[in-house]
């Protein structure tokens, strides 16, 4: 008789283990769903935030590498100095700034960052700047 009662216990233990396996599978599935839901919520929040701040230019990894690898301090130069580095006349330099092709800061006098000048050159290699400027003027005149 002892064997029969042991047999019943073994079946109960097997059933308990099966129940435990089912519980752990359901628990794991539940955790996975919660984690997925939280990740999707964060993804949506980040996406919404980036859409709201789309006016802010984000640096691409390539641009970050350029900034890190430059190895020299950023400094501000006059439009005349920037124009000389670009081998253009000062008036054309001011036109580039006025039309947003070259970024500048106004601290009593208009200045161009040495990093911005290098980035301008990188962004526009192989492009016809005079043609781009002409097209921008036409677009702006068409809007006004």
N, C-alpha and C. Protein backbone atom coordinates (compact mmCIF):
# COMPACT_ATOMS: atom_id res chain seq x y z
N UNK A 1 0.79 -1.19 0.00
CA UNK A 1 0.00 0.00 0.00
C UNK A 1 0.83 1.26 0.00
N UNK A 2 1.98 1.12 0.58
CA UNK A 2 2.87 2.27 0.61
C UNK A 2 3.23 2.72 -0.79
N UNK A 3 3.34 1.76 -1.71
CA UNK A 3 3.68 2.10 -3.08
C UNK A 3 2.58 2.89 -3.77
N UNK A 4 1.33 2.57 -3.48
CA UNK A 4 0.20 3.27 -4.11
C UNK A 4 0.16 4.72 -3.65
N UNK A 5 0.35 4.94 -2.35
CA UNK A 5 0.31 6.32 -1.86
C UNK A 5 1.48 7.13 -2.41
N UNK A 6 2.65 6.50 -2.56
CA UNK A 6 3.79 7.19 -3.17
C UNK A 6 3.49 7.55 -4.62
N UNK A 7 2.80 6.64 -5.30
CA UNK A 7 2.44 6.88 -6.70
C UNK A 7 1.53 8.10 -6.81
N UNK A 8 0.56 8.21 -5.92
CA UNK A 8 -0.35 9.36 -5.93
C UNK A 8 0.40 10.66 -5.65
N UNK A 9 1.37 10.61 -4.75
CA UNK A 9 2.16 11.80 -4.44
C UNK A 9 2.97 12.23 -5.65
N UNK A 10 3.54 11.23 -6.35
CA UNK A 10 4.32 11.54 -7.53
C UNK A 10 3.47 12.25 -8.58
N UNK A 11 2.22 11.78 -8.76
CA UNK A 11 1.32 12.42 -9.73
C UNK A 11 1.00 13.85 -9.29
N UNK A 12 0.80 14.02 -7.98
CA UNK A 12 0.50 15.36 -7.47
C UNK A 12 1.70 16.27 -7.67
N UNK A 13 2.91 15.73 -7.41
CA UNK A 13 4.11 16.53 -7.62
C UNK A 13 4.26 16.91 -9.09
N UNK A 14 3.99 15.93 -9.99
CA UNK A 14 4.07 16.21 -11.43
C UNK A 14 3.09 17.32 -11.80
N UNK A 15 1.87 17.22 -11.27
CA UNK A 15 0.86 18.24 -11.57
C UNK A 15 1.29 19.59 -11.02
N UNK A 16 1.88 19.58 -9.82
CA UNK A 16 2.36 20.83 -9.22
C UNK A 16 3.46 21.45 -10.07
N UNK A 17 4.37 20.59 -10.56
CA UNK A 17 5.45 21.10 -11.41
C UNK A 17 4.90 21.65 -12.72
N UNK A 18 3.91 20.95 -13.30
CA UNK A 18 3.28 21.45 -14.53
C UNK A 18 2.60 22.79 -14.28
N UNK A 19 1.89 22.89 -13.15
CA UNK A 19 1.25 24.16 -12.79
C UNK A 19 2.30 25.25 -12.60
N UNK A 20 3.39 24.89 -11.94
CA UNK A 20 4.47 25.84 -11.71
C UNK A 20 5.08 26.29 -13.04
N UNK A 21 5.28 25.36 -13.96
CA UNK A 21 5.79 25.71 -15.29
C UNK A 21 4.83 26.66 -16.00
N UNK A 22 3.54 26.34 -15.95
CA UNK A 22 2.54 27.21 -16.59
C UNK A 22 2.53 28.59 -15.96
N UNK A 23 2.62 28.64 -14.63
CA UNK A 23 2.64 29.94 -13.94
C UNK A 23 3.87 30.73 -14.36
N UNK A 24 5.03 30.08 -14.40
CA UNK A 24 6.25 30.80 -14.77
C UNK A 24 6.21 31.26 -16.22
N UNK A 25 5.61 30.46 -17.11
CA UNK A 25 5.47 30.88 -18.51
C UNK A 25 4.57 32.09 -18.60
N UNK A 26 3.43 32.03 -17.91
CA UNK A 26 2.49 33.17 -17.92
C UNK A 26 3.14 34.40 -17.30
N UNK A 27 3.88 34.19 -16.21
CA UNK A 27 4.56 35.29 -15.53
C UNK A 27 5.59 35.92 -16.46
N UNK A 28 6.39 35.08 -17.13
CA UNK A 28 7.40 35.58 -18.06
C UNK A 28 6.76 36.34 -19.21
N UNK A 29 5.66 35.80 -19.73
CA UNK A 29 4.95 36.45 -20.83
C UNK A 29 4.40 37.80 -20.36
N UNK A 30 3.88 37.83 -19.14
CA UNK A 30 3.34 39.07 -18.58
C UNK A 30 4.43 40.12 -18.42
N UNK A 31 5.58 39.71 -17.91
CA UNK A 31 6.71 40.63 -17.75
C UNK A 31 7.16 41.14 -19.11
N UNK A 32 7.25 40.24 -20.09
CA UNK A 32 7.66 40.66 -21.43
C UNK A 32 6.72 41.72 -21.98
N UNK A 33 5.41 41.51 -21.79
CA UNK A 33 4.43 42.48 -22.30
C UNK A 33 4.56 43.82 -21.59
N UNK A 34 4.78 43.79 -20.27
CA UNK A 34 4.95 45.04 -19.51
C UNK A 34 6.20 45.78 -19.97
N UNK A 35 7.30 45.05 -20.14
CA UNK A 35 8.54 45.67 -20.61
C UNK A 35 8.35 46.26 -22.00
N UNK A 36 7.73 45.50 -22.90
CA UNK A 36 7.46 45.99 -24.26
C UNK A 36 6.60 47.25 -24.23
N UNK A 37 5.57 47.24 -23.39
CA UNK A 37 4.67 48.38 -23.30
C UNK A 37 5.42 49.61 -22.80
N UNK A 38 6.26 49.43 -21.77
CA UNK A 38 7.04 50.55 -21.25
C UNK A 38 8.03 51.07 -22.28
N UNK A 39 8.69 50.17 -23.00
CA UNK A 39 9.63 50.59 -24.04
C UNK A 39 8.91 51.37 -25.15
N UNK A 40 7.74 50.89 -25.55
CA UNK A 40 6.96 51.60 -26.57
C UNK A 40 6.53 52.97 -26.08
N UNK A 41 6.14 53.06 -24.79
CA UNK A 41 5.76 54.36 -24.23
C UNK A 41 6.94 55.33 -24.27
N UNK A 42 8.13 54.86 -23.84
CA UNK A 42 9.32 55.70 -23.88
C UNK A 42 9.66 56.10 -25.31
N UNK A 43 9.55 55.14 -26.22
CA UNK A 43 9.84 55.42 -27.63
C UNK A 43 8.90 56.51 -28.15
N UNK A 44 7.62 56.41 -27.82
CA UNK A 44 6.65 57.42 -28.25
C UNK A 44 6.95 58.78 -27.63
N UNK A 45 7.32 58.79 -26.34
CA UNK A 45 7.65 60.06 -25.68
C UNK A 45 8.86 60.70 -26.33
N UNK A 46 9.89 59.90 -26.60
CA UNK A 46 11.11 60.42 -27.23
C UNK A 46 10.79 60.93 -28.63
N UNK A 47 10.02 60.18 -29.38
CA UNK A 47 9.64 60.59 -30.73
C UNK A 47 8.86 61.90 -30.69
N UNK A 48 7.92 62.02 -29.76
CA UNK A 48 7.14 63.25 -29.62
C UNK A 48 8.05 64.41 -29.25
N UNK A 49 8.98 64.17 -28.32
CA UNK A 49 9.92 65.21 -27.90
C UNK A 49 10.78 65.66 -29.07
N UNK A 50 11.28 64.70 -29.85
CA UNK A 50 12.12 65.05 -30.99
C UNK A 50 11.33 65.82 -32.04
N UNK A 51 10.06 65.46 -32.25
CA UNK A 51 9.23 66.19 -33.19
C UNK A 51 8.99 67.62 -32.72
N UNK A 52 8.80 67.79 -31.40
CA UNK A 52 8.58 69.13 -30.86
C UNK A 52 9.83 69.98 -30.94
N UNK A 53 10.99 69.35 -30.89
CA UNK A 53 12.25 70.09 -30.91
C UNK A 53 12.94 69.96 -32.26
N UNK A 54 12.17 69.72 -33.31
CA UNK A 54 12.78 69.48 -34.62
C UNK A 54 13.51 70.71 -35.15
N UNK A 55 13.22 71.88 -34.59
CA UNK A 55 13.92 73.08 -35.04
C UNK A 55 15.36 73.09 -34.56
N UNK A 56 15.64 72.31 -33.51
CA UNK A 56 17.00 72.23 -33.00
C UNK A 56 17.76 71.23 -33.86
N UNK A 57 18.90 71.65 -34.38
CA UNK A 57 19.69 70.75 -35.20
C UNK A 57 20.45 69.79 -34.30
N UNK A 58 20.28 68.51 -34.54
CA UNK A 58 20.99 67.50 -33.79
C UNK A 58 22.22 67.08 -34.57
N UNK A 59 23.32 66.93 -33.87
CA UNK A 59 24.54 66.52 -34.55
C UNK A 59 24.48 65.05 -34.91
N UNK A 60 24.87 64.75 -36.12
CA UNK A 60 24.99 63.37 -36.56
C UNK A 60 26.28 62.81 -35.96
N UNK A 61 26.37 61.49 -35.81
CA UNK A 61 27.60 60.91 -35.27
C UNK A 61 28.84 61.35 -36.04
N UNK A 62 28.72 61.50 -37.36
CA UNK A 62 29.86 61.94 -38.17
C UNK A 62 30.29 63.34 -37.74
N UNK A 63 29.31 64.22 -37.50
CA UNK A 63 29.63 65.58 -37.10
C UNK A 63 30.26 65.60 -35.71
N UNK A 64 29.80 64.75 -34.81
CA UNK A 64 30.40 64.67 -33.48
C UNK A 64 31.85 64.24 -33.59
N UNK A 65 32.12 63.29 -34.47
CA UNK A 65 33.48 62.83 -34.67
C UNK A 65 34.36 63.96 -35.17
N UNK A 66 33.81 64.78 -36.07
CA UNK A 66 34.57 65.91 -36.61
C UNK A 66 34.93 66.88 -35.49
N UNK A 67 33.94 67.21 -34.65
CA UNK A 67 34.19 68.16 -33.56
C UNK A 67 35.25 67.61 -32.61
N UNK A 68 35.14 66.33 -32.28
CA UNK A 68 36.10 65.73 -31.35
C UNK A 68 37.49 65.66 -31.98
N UNK A 69 37.55 65.38 -33.27
CA UNK A 69 38.84 65.15 -33.91
C UNK A 69 39.55 66.43 -34.36
N UNK A 70 38.88 67.58 -34.26
CA UNK A 70 39.52 68.81 -34.75
C UNK A 70 40.79 69.12 -33.98
N UNK A 71 40.75 68.94 -32.69
CA UNK A 71 41.97 69.10 -31.92
C UNK A 71 42.46 70.52 -31.76
N UNK A 72 41.62 71.49 -32.02
CA UNK A 72 42.00 72.88 -31.79
C UNK A 72 40.80 73.61 -31.22
N UNK A 73 41.05 74.67 -30.48
CA UNK A 73 39.93 75.38 -29.85
C UNK A 73 39.12 76.17 -30.87
N UNK A 74 37.85 76.27 -30.58
CA UNK A 74 36.96 77.08 -31.41
C UNK A 74 37.23 78.55 -31.10
N UNK A 75 37.24 79.38 -32.11
CA UNK A 75 37.37 80.82 -31.86
C UNK A 75 36.49 81.57 -32.85
N UNK A 76 36.14 82.79 -32.49
CA UNK A 76 35.31 83.62 -33.35
C UNK A 76 36.19 84.51 -34.19
N UNK A 77 35.82 84.64 -35.45
CA UNK A 77 36.57 85.50 -36.38
C UNK A 77 35.61 86.46 -37.06
N UNK A 78 36.14 87.52 -37.57
CA UNK A 78 35.32 88.50 -38.28
C UNK A 78 34.85 87.90 -39.60
N UNK A 79 33.82 88.52 -40.17
CA UNK A 79 33.33 88.07 -41.48
C UNK A 79 34.42 88.26 -42.52
N UNK A 80 35.19 89.31 -42.37
CA UNK A 80 36.29 89.56 -43.31
C UNK A 80 37.32 88.43 -43.25
N UNK A 81 37.68 88.01 -42.03
CA UNK A 81 38.65 86.91 -41.88
C UNK A 81 38.07 85.60 -42.42
N UNK A 82 36.80 85.33 -42.13
CA UNK A 82 36.15 84.12 -42.64
C UNK A 82 36.11 84.15 -44.17
N UNK A 83 35.81 85.31 -44.73
CA UNK A 83 35.75 85.46 -46.19
C UNK A 83 37.12 85.20 -46.81
N UNK A 84 38.17 85.69 -46.16
CA UNK A 84 39.52 85.45 -46.67
C UNK A 84 39.84 83.95 -46.67
N UNK A 85 39.43 83.26 -45.59
CA UNK A 85 39.68 81.81 -45.53
C UNK A 85 38.94 81.08 -46.64
N UNK A 86 37.74 81.58 -46.99
CA UNK A 86 36.95 80.97 -48.06
C UNK A 86 37.36 81.46 -49.45
N UNK A 87 38.24 82.47 -49.46
CA UNK A 87 38.69 83.10 -50.71
C UNK A 87 37.51 83.71 -51.49
N UNK A 88 36.68 84.43 -50.74
CA UNK A 88 35.56 85.18 -51.33
C UNK A 88 35.63 86.60 -50.80
N UNK A 89 34.90 87.52 -51.45
CA UNK A 89 34.92 88.88 -50.92
C UNK A 89 33.97 89.00 -49.72
N UNK A 90 34.20 90.05 -48.95
CA UNK A 90 33.46 90.24 -47.70
C UNK A 90 31.96 90.38 -47.94
N UNK A 91 31.56 91.04 -49.01
CA UNK A 91 30.14 91.24 -49.32
C UNK A 91 29.46 89.88 -49.54
N UNK A 92 30.14 88.99 -50.26
CA UNK A 92 29.59 87.65 -50.50
C UNK A 92 29.50 86.88 -49.18
N UNK A 93 30.48 87.07 -48.30
CA UNK A 93 30.44 86.45 -46.97
C UNK A 93 29.20 86.88 -46.20
N UNK A 94 28.90 88.18 -46.23
CA UNK A 94 27.70 88.69 -45.56
C UNK A 94 26.43 88.14 -46.21
N UNK A 95 26.44 87.95 -47.52
CA UNK A 95 25.26 87.37 -48.20
C UNK A 95 25.03 85.93 -47.75
N UNK A 96 26.11 85.18 -47.59
CA UNK A 96 25.98 83.80 -47.10
C UNK A 96 25.35 83.78 -45.71
N UNK A 97 25.76 84.72 -44.87
CA UNK A 97 25.21 84.81 -43.51
C UNK A 97 23.75 85.25 -43.56
N UNK A 98 23.47 86.27 -44.34
CA UNK A 98 22.11 86.82 -44.44
C UNK A 98 21.12 85.75 -44.91
N UNK A 99 21.55 84.88 -45.80
CA UNK A 99 20.67 83.85 -46.35
C UNK A 99 20.73 82.53 -45.60
N UNK A 100 21.44 82.51 -44.49
CA UNK A 100 21.45 81.33 -43.63
C UNK A 100 22.36 80.19 -44.07
N UNK A 101 23.19 80.42 -45.05
CA UNK A 101 24.11 79.36 -45.48
C UNK A 101 25.33 79.26 -44.56
N UNK A 102 25.70 80.37 -43.97
CA UNK A 102 26.82 80.41 -43.02
C UNK A 102 26.29 81.00 -41.72
N UNK A 103 26.43 80.26 -40.64
CA UNK A 103 25.90 80.71 -39.35
C UNK A 103 26.88 81.67 -38.69
N UNK A 104 26.32 82.64 -37.97
CA UNK A 104 27.15 83.63 -37.31
C UNK A 104 26.53 84.02 -35.98
N UNK A 105 27.28 84.77 -35.19
CA UNK A 105 26.78 85.36 -33.96
C UNK A 105 27.03 86.86 -34.03
N UNK A 106 26.14 87.60 -33.40
CA UNK A 106 26.30 89.06 -33.39
C UNK A 106 26.59 89.48 -31.96
N UNK A 107 27.82 89.86 -31.70
CA UNK A 107 28.22 90.32 -30.37
C UNK A 107 28.72 91.75 -30.47
N UNK A 108 27.91 92.58 -31.09
CA UNK A 108 28.32 93.95 -31.39
C UNK A 108 28.86 94.02 -32.81
N UNK A 109 29.55 92.99 -33.19
CA UNK A 109 30.01 92.82 -34.57
C UNK A 109 29.70 91.38 -34.95
N UNK A 110 29.45 91.15 -36.22
CA UNK A 110 29.12 89.80 -36.68
C UNK A 110 30.39 88.96 -36.70
N UNK A 111 30.31 87.80 -36.05
CA UNK A 111 31.46 86.89 -35.97
C UNK A 111 31.05 85.50 -36.44
N UNK A 112 32.02 84.77 -36.97
CA UNK A 112 31.80 83.40 -37.44
C UNK A 112 32.72 82.48 -36.64
N UNK A 113 32.17 81.38 -36.17
CA UNK A 113 32.94 80.39 -35.42
C UNK A 113 33.87 79.64 -36.38
N UNK A 114 35.07 79.36 -35.91
CA UNK A 114 36.01 78.59 -36.75
C UNK A 114 35.46 77.19 -37.04
N UNK A 115 34.76 76.60 -36.07
CA UNK A 115 34.14 75.29 -36.30
C UNK A 115 33.04 75.40 -37.35
N UNK A 116 32.22 76.47 -37.27
CA UNK A 116 31.15 76.65 -38.25
C UNK A 116 31.73 76.81 -39.65
N UNK A 117 32.82 77.52 -39.76
CA UNK A 117 33.45 77.71 -41.06
C UNK A 117 33.92 76.36 -41.62
N UNK A 118 34.55 75.55 -40.78
CA UNK A 118 34.98 74.22 -41.22
C UNK A 118 33.78 73.35 -41.59
N UNK A 119 32.71 73.42 -40.79
CA UNK A 119 31.50 72.65 -41.09
C UNK A 119 30.85 73.13 -42.39
N UNK A 120 30.86 74.43 -42.62
CA UNK A 120 30.32 75.00 -43.86
C UNK A 120 31.06 74.41 -45.06
N UNK A 121 32.37 74.36 -44.96
CA UNK A 121 33.19 73.81 -46.05
C UNK A 121 32.85 72.33 -46.26
N UNK A 122 32.75 71.58 -45.16
CA UNK A 122 32.43 70.15 -45.25
C UNK A 122 31.05 69.93 -45.86
N UNK A 123 30.05 70.70 -45.39
CA UNK A 123 28.67 70.55 -45.88
C UNK A 123 28.54 70.87 -47.35
N UNK A 124 29.36 71.76 -47.85
CA UNK A 124 29.16 72.28 -49.20
C UNK A 124 30.22 71.89 -50.20
N UNK A 125 31.04 70.90 -49.87
CA UNK A 125 32.05 70.46 -50.83
C UNK A 125 31.39 69.96 -52.10
N UNK A 126 31.88 70.42 -53.22
CA UNK A 126 31.36 69.99 -54.51
C UNK A 126 30.10 70.72 -54.95
N UNK A 127 29.63 71.65 -54.14
CA UNK A 127 28.41 72.39 -54.49
C UNK A 127 28.78 73.76 -55.03
N UNK A 128 27.92 74.27 -55.88
CA UNK A 128 28.10 75.62 -56.41
C UNK A 128 27.37 76.59 -55.48
N UNK A 129 28.14 77.26 -54.63
CA UNK A 129 27.56 78.12 -53.60
C UNK A 129 26.83 79.31 -54.22
N UNK A 130 27.40 79.88 -55.27
CA UNK A 130 26.74 81.03 -55.91
C UNK A 130 25.38 80.62 -56.47
N UNK A 131 25.30 79.42 -57.04
CA UNK A 131 24.03 78.92 -57.57
C UNK A 131 23.04 78.68 -56.44
N UNK A 132 23.50 78.09 -55.34
CA UNK A 132 22.62 77.87 -54.18
C UNK A 132 22.09 79.19 -53.65
N UNK A 133 22.94 80.19 -53.57
CA UNK A 133 22.54 81.51 -53.08
C UNK A 133 21.51 82.14 -54.01
N UNK A 134 21.73 82.01 -55.32
CA UNK A 134 20.78 82.56 -56.29
C UNK A 134 19.42 81.89 -56.15
N UNK A 135 19.41 80.55 -56.01
CA UNK A 135 18.15 79.82 -55.85
C UNK A 135 17.43 80.23 -54.58
N UNK A 136 18.19 80.41 -53.49
CA UNK A 136 17.57 80.84 -52.23
C UNK A 136 16.93 82.21 -52.37
N UNK A 137 17.62 83.11 -53.08
CA UNK A 137 17.06 84.46 -53.28
C UNK A 137 15.77 84.39 -54.09
N UNK A 138 15.77 83.55 -55.14
CA UNK A 138 14.56 83.40 -55.96
C UNK A 138 13.40 82.84 -55.14
N UNK A 139 13.69 81.87 -54.31
CA UNK A 139 12.64 81.27 -53.47
C UNK A 139 12.09 82.31 -52.51
N UNK A 140 12.97 83.07 -51.88
CA UNK A 140 12.52 84.09 -50.93
C UNK A 140 11.73 85.19 -51.62
N UNK A 141 12.15 85.57 -52.82
CA UNK A 141 11.41 86.60 -53.56
C UNK A 141 10.05 86.07 -53.97
N UNK A 142 9.96 84.78 -54.30
CA UNK A 142 8.69 84.17 -54.68
C UNK A 142 7.73 84.10 -53.51
N UNK A 143 8.26 83.95 -52.30
CA UNK A 143 7.43 83.88 -51.10
C UNK A 143 6.90 85.25 -50.72
N UNK A 144 7.71 86.26 -50.89
CA UNK A 144 7.33 87.63 -50.50
C UNK A 144 6.46 88.25 -51.50
